[in-house]
Amino acid sequence: MELGFDQLQNARAFRFEVVVKGATTMQAVVVAVMALFLEYRVGIQDGPSLCAARLTADLEQNVEGNHVLPADDLRGLCERRAAAEGKRVEMRRVAGRRASTGSEPGQPSRAVRGTENGLSEQVP
């Protein structure tokens, strides 16, 4: 659970409360360098969740002492977002292609054209 943050000169120190069942609650701090958020174009509002994930990973690996949000974590977030956007674009492209053919995949498409009397006929 995040308790807040302290603004340092070029960094933000996010404070967390670590609760382990059967153990004393402790506090931990993850420091995030603000320039990295600009460099990777990541919003500062993503800071708490990125720092919480870093802290969780550090605690699982028994890392004690200082916790720092590395550039790799921000880069990874950017890569995951780019991959997700690529999938969304591909899904829209595929959906647009299906809609424009007017047929289901594997079925021949048929065009419709107007006639002089205003009725339409199907063109094979």
N, C-alpha and C. Protein backbone atom coordinates (compact mmCIF):
# COMPACT_ATOMS: atom_id res chain seq x y z
N MET A 1 0.84 -1.17 0.00
CA MET A 1 0.00 0.00 0.00
C MET A 1 0.89 1.24 0.00
N GLU A 2 0.60 2.15 -0.90
CA GLU A 2 1.40 3.37 -0.98
C GLU A 2 0.97 4.34 0.10
N LEU A 3 1.94 4.95 0.74
CA LEU A 3 1.66 5.93 1.79
C LEU A 3 1.84 7.35 1.28
N GLY A 4 2.50 7.51 0.17
CA GLY A 4 2.73 8.85 -0.35
C GLY A 4 4.10 8.94 -0.98
N PHE A 5 4.54 10.17 -1.18
CA PHE A 5 5.86 10.36 -1.78
C PHE A 5 6.49 11.63 -1.23
N ASP A 6 7.79 11.72 -1.38
CA ASP A 6 8.55 12.92 -1.06
C ASP A 6 9.25 13.36 -2.33
N GLN A 7 9.17 14.64 -2.62
CA GLN A 7 9.86 15.17 -3.81
C GLN A 7 11.28 15.51 -3.42
N LEU A 8 12.23 14.87 -4.07
CA LEU A 8 13.64 15.18 -3.87
C LEU A 8 14.04 16.13 -5.00
N GLN A 9 15.30 16.46 -5.11
CA GLN A 9 15.69 17.40 -6.16
C GLN A 9 15.30 16.90 -7.54
N ASN A 10 15.83 15.77 -7.95
CA ASN A 10 15.59 15.24 -9.30
C ASN A 10 14.87 13.91 -9.27
N ALA A 11 14.29 13.58 -8.15
CA ALA A 11 13.66 12.27 -8.01
C ALA A 11 12.45 12.38 -7.09
N ARG A 12 11.68 11.34 -7.10
CA ARG A 12 10.53 11.23 -6.20
C ARG A 12 10.70 9.93 -5.42
N ALA A 13 10.54 10.01 -4.12
CA ALA A 13 10.67 8.84 -3.26
C ALA A 13 9.27 8.40 -2.85
N PHE A 14 8.85 7.26 -3.37
CA PHE A 14 7.52 6.72 -3.07
C PHE A 14 7.63 5.84 -1.83
N ARG A 15 6.78 6.13 -0.84
CA ARG A 15 6.78 5.39 0.42
C ARG A 15 5.69 4.32 0.39
N PHE A 16 6.05 3.12 0.82
CA PHE A 16 5.12 1.99 0.86
C PHE A 16 5.15 1.35 2.23
N GLU A 17 4.04 0.77 2.59
CA GLU A 17 3.94 -0.04 3.79
C GLU A 17 3.92 -1.49 3.34
N VAL A 18 4.84 -2.29 3.86
CA VAL A 18 4.93 -3.70 3.48
C VAL A 18 4.32 -4.53 4.61
N VAL A 19 3.27 -5.26 4.25
CA VAL A 19 2.57 -6.08 5.24
C VAL A 19 2.79 -7.54 4.88
N VAL A 20 3.40 -8.27 5.79
CA VAL A 20 3.63 -9.70 5.61
C VAL A 20 2.90 -10.42 6.73
N LYS A 21 2.09 -11.39 6.35
CA LYS A 21 1.29 -12.12 7.34
C LYS A 21 2.21 -12.74 8.40
N GLY A 22 1.89 -12.46 9.65
CA GLY A 22 2.68 -13.02 10.75
C GLY A 22 3.95 -12.26 11.05
N ALA A 23 4.18 -11.13 10.38
CA ALA A 23 5.39 -10.34 10.62
C ALA A 23 5.00 -8.90 10.91
N THR A 24 5.96 -8.15 11.39
CA THR A 24 5.73 -6.74 11.68
C THR A 24 5.65 -5.96 10.37
N THR A 25 4.73 -5.01 10.33
CA THR A 25 4.61 -4.13 9.17
C THR A 25 5.84 -3.24 9.09
N MET A 26 6.40 -3.11 7.91
CA MET A 26 7.58 -2.26 7.74
C MET A 26 7.33 -1.25 6.63
N GLN A 27 8.15 -0.25 6.58
CA GLN A 27 8.04 0.75 5.53
C GLN A 27 9.22 0.60 4.58
N ALA A 28 8.95 0.86 3.31
CA ALA A 28 9.99 0.80 2.30
C ALA A 28 9.83 2.00 1.38
N VAL A 29 10.92 2.41 0.77
CA VAL A 29 10.93 3.55 -0.13
C VAL A 29 11.54 3.12 -1.45
N VAL A 30 10.88 3.52 -2.54
CA VAL A 30 11.43 3.28 -3.88
C VAL A 30 11.65 4.66 -4.50
N VAL A 31 12.87 4.91 -4.95
CA VAL A 31 13.22 6.19 -5.54
C VAL A 31 13.14 6.10 -7.06
N ALA A 32 12.43 7.06 -7.65
CA ALA A 32 12.28 7.13 -9.11
C ALA A 32 12.87 8.44 -9.60
N VAL A 33 13.81 8.34 -10.53
CA VAL A 33 14.43 9.53 -11.12
C VAL A 33 13.45 10.14 -12.12
N MET A 34 13.12 11.40 -11.93
CA MET A 34 12.10 12.05 -12.73
C MET A 34 12.49 12.16 -14.21
N ALA A 35 13.76 12.31 -14.50
CA ALA A 35 14.21 12.45 -15.89
C ALA A 35 13.86 11.21 -16.72
N LEU A 36 13.80 10.04 -16.07
CA LEU A 36 13.45 8.82 -16.80
C LEU A 36 12.01 8.85 -17.30
N PHE A 37 11.12 9.46 -16.52
CA PHE A 37 9.72 9.57 -16.95
C PHE A 37 9.62 10.43 -18.20
N LEU A 38 10.42 11.49 -18.27
CA LEU A 38 10.45 12.33 -19.46
C LEU A 38 11.08 11.59 -20.64
N GLU A 39 12.20 10.95 -20.37
CA GLU A 39 12.93 10.25 -21.44
C GLU A 39 12.06 9.19 -22.11
N TYR A 40 11.30 8.44 -21.32
CA TYR A 40 10.48 7.36 -21.87
C TYR A 40 9.03 7.78 -22.11
N ARG A 41 8.74 9.05 -21.87
CA ARG A 41 7.40 9.59 -22.08
C ARG A 41 6.34 8.80 -21.30
N VAL A 42 6.65 8.56 -20.05
CA VAL A 42 5.75 7.86 -19.15
C VAL A 42 5.19 8.89 -18.17
N GLY A 43 3.89 8.87 -17.97
CA GLY A 43 3.26 9.81 -17.05
C GLY A 43 3.64 9.53 -15.61
N ILE A 44 3.79 10.58 -14.84
CA ILE A 44 4.16 10.42 -13.44
C ILE A 44 3.08 9.65 -12.67
N GLN A 45 1.85 9.67 -13.18
CA GLN A 45 0.78 8.92 -12.51
C GLN A 45 1.04 7.41 -12.56
N ASP A 46 1.92 6.97 -13.45
CA ASP A 46 2.30 5.55 -13.49
C ASP A 46 3.38 5.22 -12.46
N GLY A 47 3.93 6.24 -11.83
CA GLY A 47 5.01 6.05 -10.86
C GLY A 47 4.67 5.11 -9.71
N PRO A 48 3.53 5.32 -9.02
CA PRO A 48 3.24 4.43 -7.89
C PRO A 48 3.13 2.96 -8.27
N SER A 49 2.45 2.65 -9.39
CA SER A 49 2.31 1.24 -9.76
C SER A 49 3.64 0.65 -10.23
N LEU A 50 4.45 1.44 -10.95
CA LEU A 50 5.77 0.95 -11.35
C LEU A 50 6.65 0.70 -10.13
N CYS A 51 6.61 1.61 -9.18
CA CYS A 51 7.43 1.45 -7.97
C CYS A 51 6.94 0.29 -7.11
N ALA A 52 5.63 0.11 -7.04
CA ALA A 52 5.09 -1.03 -6.28
C ALA A 52 5.54 -2.34 -6.91
N ALA A 53 5.51 -2.41 -8.23
CA ALA A 53 5.97 -3.63 -8.92
C ALA A 53 7.46 -3.86 -8.68
N ARG A 54 8.25 -2.79 -8.72
CA ARG A 54 9.70 -2.91 -8.46
C ARG A 54 9.94 -3.39 -7.03
N LEU A 55 9.21 -2.81 -6.07
CA LEU A 55 9.37 -3.20 -4.68
C LEU A 55 9.00 -4.67 -4.48
N THR A 56 7.90 -5.09 -5.09
CA THR A 56 7.48 -6.49 -4.99
C THR A 56 8.56 -7.42 -5.55
N ALA A 57 9.10 -7.07 -6.72
CA ALA A 57 10.16 -7.89 -7.32
C ALA A 57 11.40 -7.92 -6.43
N ASP A 58 11.78 -6.77 -5.88
CA ASP A 58 12.94 -6.72 -4.99
C ASP A 58 12.72 -7.57 -3.74
N LEU A 59 11.53 -7.49 -3.16
CA LEU A 59 11.27 -8.26 -1.93
C LEU A 59 11.24 -9.76 -2.22
N GLU A 60 10.72 -10.14 -3.39
CA GLU A 60 10.72 -11.56 -3.76
C GLU A 60 12.13 -12.09 -3.94
N GLN A 61 13.06 -11.19 -4.33
CA GLN A 61 14.46 -11.59 -4.52
C GLN A 61 15.30 -11.29 -3.28
N ASN A 62 14.61 -10.96 -2.16
CA ASN A 62 15.28 -10.66 -0.89
C ASN A 62 16.27 -9.51 -0.97
N VAL A 63 15.97 -8.52 -1.81
CA VAL A 63 16.82 -7.33 -1.90
C VAL A 63 16.49 -6.44 -0.71
N GLU A 64 17.51 -6.10 0.05
CA GLU A 64 17.32 -5.24 1.21
C GLU A 64 17.98 -3.90 0.94
N GLY A 65 17.62 -2.92 1.73
CA GLY A 65 18.24 -1.60 1.60
C GLY A 65 17.46 -0.73 0.64
N ASN A 66 18.20 0.02 -0.16
CA ASN A 66 17.58 0.98 -1.07
C ASN A 66 16.93 0.29 -2.27
N HIS A 67 15.80 0.84 -2.66
CA HIS A 67 15.08 0.34 -3.84
C HIS A 67 15.00 1.49 -4.82
N VAL A 68 15.39 1.23 -6.06
CA VAL A 68 15.41 2.27 -7.09
C VAL A 68 14.67 1.75 -8.31
N LEU A 69 13.84 2.59 -8.90
CA LEU A 69 13.14 2.24 -10.12
C LEU A 69 14.12 2.39 -11.28
N PRO A 70 14.52 1.27 -11.92
CA PRO A 70 15.50 1.37 -13.00
C PRO A 70 14.86 1.74 -14.34
N ALA A 71 15.68 2.21 -15.24
CA ALA A 71 15.22 2.58 -16.59
C ALA A 71 14.60 1.38 -17.29
N ASP A 72 15.09 0.18 -17.02
CA ASP A 72 14.54 -1.02 -17.66
C ASP A 72 13.06 -1.21 -17.36
N ASP A 73 12.62 -0.83 -16.15
CA ASP A 73 11.20 -0.97 -15.81
C ASP A 73 10.35 -0.02 -16.64
N LEU A 74 10.81 1.20 -16.85
CA LEU A 74 10.08 2.16 -17.68
C LEU A 74 10.11 1.74 -19.15
N ARG A 75 11.26 1.27 -19.60
CA ARG A 75 11.39 0.78 -20.98
C ARG A 75 10.45 -0.40 -21.21
N GLY A 76 10.37 -1.29 -20.24
CA GLY A 76 9.48 -2.45 -20.34
C GLY A 76 8.02 -2.03 -20.45
N LEU A 77 7.64 -1.02 -19.66
CA LEU A 77 6.27 -0.50 -19.74
C LEU A 77 5.99 0.05 -21.14
N CYS A 78 6.93 0.80 -21.69
CA CYS A 78 6.76 1.35 -23.04
C CYS A 78 6.65 0.24 -24.08
N GLU A 79 7.45 -0.79 -23.95
CA GLU A 79 7.40 -1.91 -24.89
C GLU A 79 6.07 -2.65 -24.80
N ARG A 80 5.58 -2.87 -23.58
CA ARG A 80 4.28 -3.54 -23.41
C ARG A 80 3.15 -2.71 -23.99
N ARG A 81 3.20 -1.41 -23.78
CA ARG A 81 2.17 -0.52 -24.33
C ARG A 81 2.22 -0.51 -25.85
N ALA A 82 3.42 -0.46 -26.42
CA ALA A 82 3.56 -0.46 -27.88
C ALA A 82 3.05 -1.77 -28.47
N ALA A 83 3.35 -2.88 -27.82
CA ALA A 83 2.87 -4.18 -28.30
C ALA A 83 1.34 -4.24 -28.24
N ALA A 84 0.76 -3.75 -27.15
CA ALA A 84 -0.70 -3.75 -27.01
C ALA A 84 -1.33 -2.86 -28.08
N GLU A 85 -0.73 -1.71 -28.34
CA GLU A 85 -1.27 -0.82 -29.38
C GLU A 85 -1.14 -1.46 -30.75
N GLY A 86 -0.04 -2.17 -31.00
CA GLY A 86 0.13 -2.88 -32.27
C GLY A 86 -0.95 -3.92 -32.47
N LYS A 87 -1.30 -4.64 -31.41
CA LYS A 87 -2.37 -5.64 -31.49
C LYS A 87 -3.71 -4.98 -31.77
N ARG A 88 -3.97 -3.84 -31.10
CA ARG A 88 -5.24 -3.12 -31.33
C ARG A 88 -5.33 -2.65 -32.78
N VAL A 89 -4.24 -2.11 -33.30
CA VAL A 89 -4.23 -1.63 -34.68
C VAL A 89 -4.47 -2.80 -35.64
N GLU A 90 -3.82 -3.91 -35.40
CA GLU A 90 -3.99 -5.09 -36.25
C GLU A 90 -5.43 -5.60 -36.20
N MET A 91 -6.02 -5.63 -35.02
CA MET A 91 -7.41 -6.08 -34.89
C MET A 91 -8.36 -5.15 -35.65
N ARG A 92 -8.10 -3.84 -35.57
CA ARG A 92 -8.94 -2.89 -36.31
C ARG A 92 -8.76 -3.06 -37.81
N ARG A 93 -7.52 -3.30 -38.22
CA ARG A 93 -7.23 -3.49 -39.65
C ARG A 93 -7.94 -4.73 -40.17
N VAL A 94 -7.86 -5.82 -39.43
CA VAL A 94 -8.50 -7.07 -39.83
C VAL A 94 -10.02 -6.89 -39.83
N ALA A 95 -10.55 -6.26 -38.80
CA ALA A 95 -11.99 -6.04 -38.72
C ALA A 95 -12.45 -5.14 -39.86
N GLY A 96 -11.68 -4.14 -40.20
CA GLY A 96 -12.03 -3.25 -41.31
C GLY A 96 -12.02 -3.98 -42.63
N ARG A 97 -11.10 -4.89 -42.81
CA ARG A 97 -11.02 -5.65 -44.06
C ARG A 97 -12.25 -6.55 -44.20
N ARG A 98 -12.65 -7.19 -43.11
CA ARG A 98 -13.84 -8.05 -43.15
C ARG A 98 -15.08 -7.24 -43.47
N ALA A 99 -15.21 -6.08 -42.84
CA ALA A 99 -16.40 -5.24 -43.05
C ALA A 99 -16.44 -4.72 -44.48
N SER A 100 -15.29 -4.41 -45.06
CA SER A 100 -15.29 -3.84 -46.40
C SER A 100 -15.57 -4.89 -47.48
N THR A 101 -15.30 -6.17 -47.23
CA THR A 101 -15.59 -7.20 -48.23
C THR A 101 -17.04 -7.61 -48.19
N GLY A 102 -17.70 -7.40 -47.07
CA GLY A 102 -19.11 -7.73 -46.94
C GLY A 102 -19.37 -9.22 -46.87
N SER A 103 -18.37 -10.01 -46.60
CA SER A 103 -18.57 -11.45 -46.52
C SER A 103 -17.74 -12.01 -45.37
N GLU A 104 -18.06 -13.19 -45.00
CA GLU A 104 -17.31 -13.88 -43.97
C GLU A 104 -16.02 -14.42 -44.58
N PRO A 105 -15.01 -14.64 -43.76
CA PRO A 105 -13.77 -15.21 -44.29
C PRO A 105 -14.04 -16.56 -44.96
N GLY A 106 -13.44 -16.78 -46.11
CA GLY A 106 -13.61 -18.04 -46.83
C GLY A 106 -14.80 -18.03 -47.78
N GLN A 107 -15.62 -16.99 -47.75
CA GLN A 107 -16.78 -16.89 -48.64
C GLN A 107 -16.46 -15.90 -49.75
N PRO A 108 -16.95 -16.16 -50.96
CA PRO A 108 -16.68 -15.20 -52.04
C PRO A 108 -17.42 -13.90 -51.76
N SER A 109 -16.79 -12.79 -52.11
CA SER A 109 -17.46 -11.51 -51.90
C SER A 109 -18.31 -11.20 -53.12
N ARG A 110 -19.38 -10.48 -52.89
CA ARG A 110 -20.28 -10.10 -53.97
C ARG A 110 -20.48 -8.60 -53.91
N ALA A 111 -20.49 -7.99 -55.05
CA ALA A 111 -20.74 -6.56 -55.14
C ALA A 111 -22.19 -6.33 -55.52
N VAL A 112 -22.71 -5.19 -55.15
CA VAL A 112 -24.07 -4.82 -55.51
C VAL A 112 -23.98 -3.54 -56.31
N ARG A 113 -24.71 -3.48 -57.43
CA ARG A 113 -24.71 -2.25 -58.21
C ARG A 113 -26.14 -1.84 -58.50
N GLY A 114 -26.33 -0.58 -58.70
CA GLY A 114 -27.65 -0.07 -59.01
C GLY A 114 -27.97 -0.23 -60.48
N THR A 115 -29.25 -0.29 -60.80
CA THR A 115 -29.68 -0.36 -62.20
C THR A 115 -30.43 0.92 -62.53
N GLU A 116 -30.82 1.03 -63.78
CA GLU A 116 -31.48 2.25 -64.21
C GLU A 116 -32.82 2.47 -63.53
N ASN A 117 -33.51 1.42 -63.14
CA ASN A 117 -34.82 1.57 -62.50
C ASN A 117 -34.71 1.77 -60.99
N GLY A 118 -33.49 1.93 -60.46
CA GLY A 118 -33.32 2.19 -59.04
C GLY A 118 -33.21 0.92 -58.20
N LEU A 119 -33.49 -0.25 -58.78
CA LEU A 119 -33.34 -1.50 -58.05
C LEU A 119 -31.89 -1.93 -58.13
N SER A 120 -31.51 -2.76 -57.23
CA SER A 120 -30.13 -3.22 -57.26
C SER A 120 -30.09 -4.67 -57.63
N GLU A 121 -28.98 -5.05 -58.21
CA GLU A 121 -28.78 -6.46 -58.56
C GLU A 121 -27.42 -6.88 -58.04
N GLN A 122 -27.31 -8.19 -57.77
CA GLN A 122 -26.07 -8.71 -57.22
C GLN A 122 -25.16 -9.10 -58.37
N VAL A 123 -23.90 -8.73 -58.24
CA VAL A 123 -22.90 -9.05 -59.25
C VAL A 123 -22.02 -10.15 -58.71
N PRO A 124 -21.91 -11.27 -59.44
CA PRO A 124 -21.07 -12.38 -58.94
C PRO A 124 -19.60 -12.04 -58.92
